[in-house]
Protein backbone atom coordinates (compact mmCIF):
# COMPACT_ATOMS: atom_id res chain seq x y z
CA MET A 1 -0.24 -0.20 0.24
CA SER A 2 1.35 3.34 -1.48
CA ARG A 3 1.90 6.45 1.02
CA VAL A 4 -1.28 8.15 -0.63
CA ASP A 5 -3.14 5.22 0.12
CA ILE A 6 -2.22 5.59 3.49
CA TYR A 7 -3.47 9.35 3.56
CA ASN A 8 -6.40 8.90 1.20
CA GLU A 9 -7.96 5.87 3.80
CA GLU A 10 -6.45 7.47 6.89
CA TYR A 11 -7.00 12.02 5.99
CA VAL A 12 -10.46 12.06 7.88
CA GLY A 13 -9.09 10.14 10.91
CA LEU A 14 -6.49 12.45 11.75
CA ASN A 15 -8.90 15.73 10.63
CA HIS A 16 -10.94 13.96 13.47
CA ALA A 17 -8.50 13.97 16.57
CA TYR A 18 -7.22 17.37 15.46
CA VAL A 19 -10.28 18.75 15.40
CA GLN A 20 -11.31 16.80 19.33
CA MET A 21 -8.27 17.95 20.11
CA TYR A 22 -8.93 22.05 19.66
CA LYS A 23 -12.27 21.65 21.01
CA PHE A 24 -10.95 20.23 24.00
CA TYR A 25 -7.95 22.77 24.07
CA ASN A 26 -10.37 25.40 23.64
CA ARG A 27 -12.79 24.00 27.08
CA LEU A 28 -9.68 24.23 28.67
CA ILE A 29 -8.87 27.36 27.80
CA ASP A 30 -12.39 28.47 29.15
CA SER A 31 -12.42 26.60 32.48
CA GLY A 32 -10.02 29.47 33.77
CA ASP A 33 -7.80 26.34 36.63
CA ALA A 34 -6.59 25.18 33.25
CA ASP A 35 -3.56 23.31 33.80
CA GLU A 36 -0.45 25.82 31.92
CA GLU A 37 1.24 22.84 31.32
CA VAL A 38 -1.47 20.77 29.28
CA LEU A 39 -2.34 23.56 27.85
CA SER A 40 0.94 23.41 26.83
CA VAL A 41 1.90 20.68 25.49
CA ILE A 42 -1.31 20.90 23.50
CA ARG A 43 -1.31 23.72 22.32
CA GLU A 44 2.43 22.70 20.37
CA ILE A 45 0.86 19.34 18.78
CA LEU A 46 -2.15 21.41 17.46
CA LEU A 47 0.68 23.80 15.94
CA VAL A 48 3.11 21.06 14.29
CA PHE A 49 -0.31 18.33 13.56
CA ASN A 50 -2.27 21.70 11.77
CA PRO A 51 0.27 22.30 9.03
CA THR A 52 0.95 18.54 9.18
CA LEU A 53 -3.02 17.75 7.85
CA ASP A 54 -2.85 19.88 4.74
CA ARG A 55 0.68 18.24 3.78
CA ILE A 56 -1.30 15.33 3.56
CA LYS A 57 -4.72 16.53 1.85
CA SER A 58 -2.70 18.39 -0.48
CA GLU A 59 -1.23 14.92 -1.72
CA MET A 60 -4.22 12.64 -1.53
CA THR A 61 -5.83 12.27 -4.90
CA VAL A 62 -8.43 14.10 -6.24
CA LYS A 63 -10.64 11.49 -6.59
CA THR A 64 -10.47 10.88 -2.61
CA ARG A 65 -10.90 15.00 -1.64
CA TYR A 66 -13.72 15.46 -4.35
CA LYS A 67 -17.37 13.82 -3.62
CA GLU A 68 -20.18 13.89 -6.58
CA ASP A 69 -23.93 15.10 -5.65
CA GLY A 70 -26.90 12.43 -7.47
CA ASP A 71 -28.95 15.33 -9.20
CA ASN A 72 -29.61 12.68 -11.73
CA SER A 73 -26.93 12.04 -14.67
CA GLN A 74 -25.12 15.89 -14.57
CA ALA A 75 -22.96 15.11 -11.42
CA LYS A 76 -21.19 18.15 -9.99
CA ALA A 77 -18.20 18.49 -7.67
CA LYS A 78 -17.69 19.24 -5.29
CA ALA A 79 -14.63 20.24 -3.27
CA VAL A 80 -15.23 18.54 0.45
CA ASN A 81 -14.74 21.94 2.15
CA GLY A 82 -17.54 23.34 0.04
CA THR A 83 -16.32 25.66 -2.87
CA ASP A 84 -18.27 24.90 -5.83
CA VAL A 85 -15.56 23.60 -8.97
CA SER A 86 -17.98 23.92 -11.61
CA ALA A 87 -18.79 27.84 -10.72
CA GLY A 88 -15.22 28.12 -10.88
CA GLY A 89 -14.19 28.02 -7.89
CA LYS A 90 -16.30 30.34 -5.98
CA LYS A 91 -17.47 29.73 -2.41
CA SER A 92 -21.11 28.50 -1.45
CA ALA A 93 -23.34 30.19 0.56
CA GLY A 94 -22.74 29.69 4.63
CA ALA A 95 -19.21 27.78 4.13
CA VAL A 96 -17.38 28.82 7.18
CA ILE A 97 -13.49 28.91 7.93
CA LEU A 98 -12.95 29.10 10.44
CA HIS A 99 -9.08 29.98 11.95
CA GLY A 100 -7.55 29.48 15.77
CA ASN A 101 -5.49 31.36 17.91
CA PHE A 102 -3.05 28.63 19.68
CA THR A 103 -1.30 31.46 21.24
CA GLY A 104 -3.12 31.61 24.47
CA GLU A 105 -2.75 35.23 24.19
């Protein structure tokens, strides 16, 4: 099995793990009595993990990164993030991009 095959199969799970860690990090910050050492470690993991996920995603095959809608025989390819490929890359209405602040400031 090639590296790209593994990326294709495991990306969703890795991305889910990243999201779970991010949610945990934010909840800990909001608690008011978070352990600074734990926050620091989670922050460092997230800072390294994010660009690594981007790199993995960039090496995935196009077939994996795009899904097809089943509108009869003329299915339109859409990127996983909601970009309508047939519309020249314009964002679909209601698309949200979240950016994290991992510096704790």
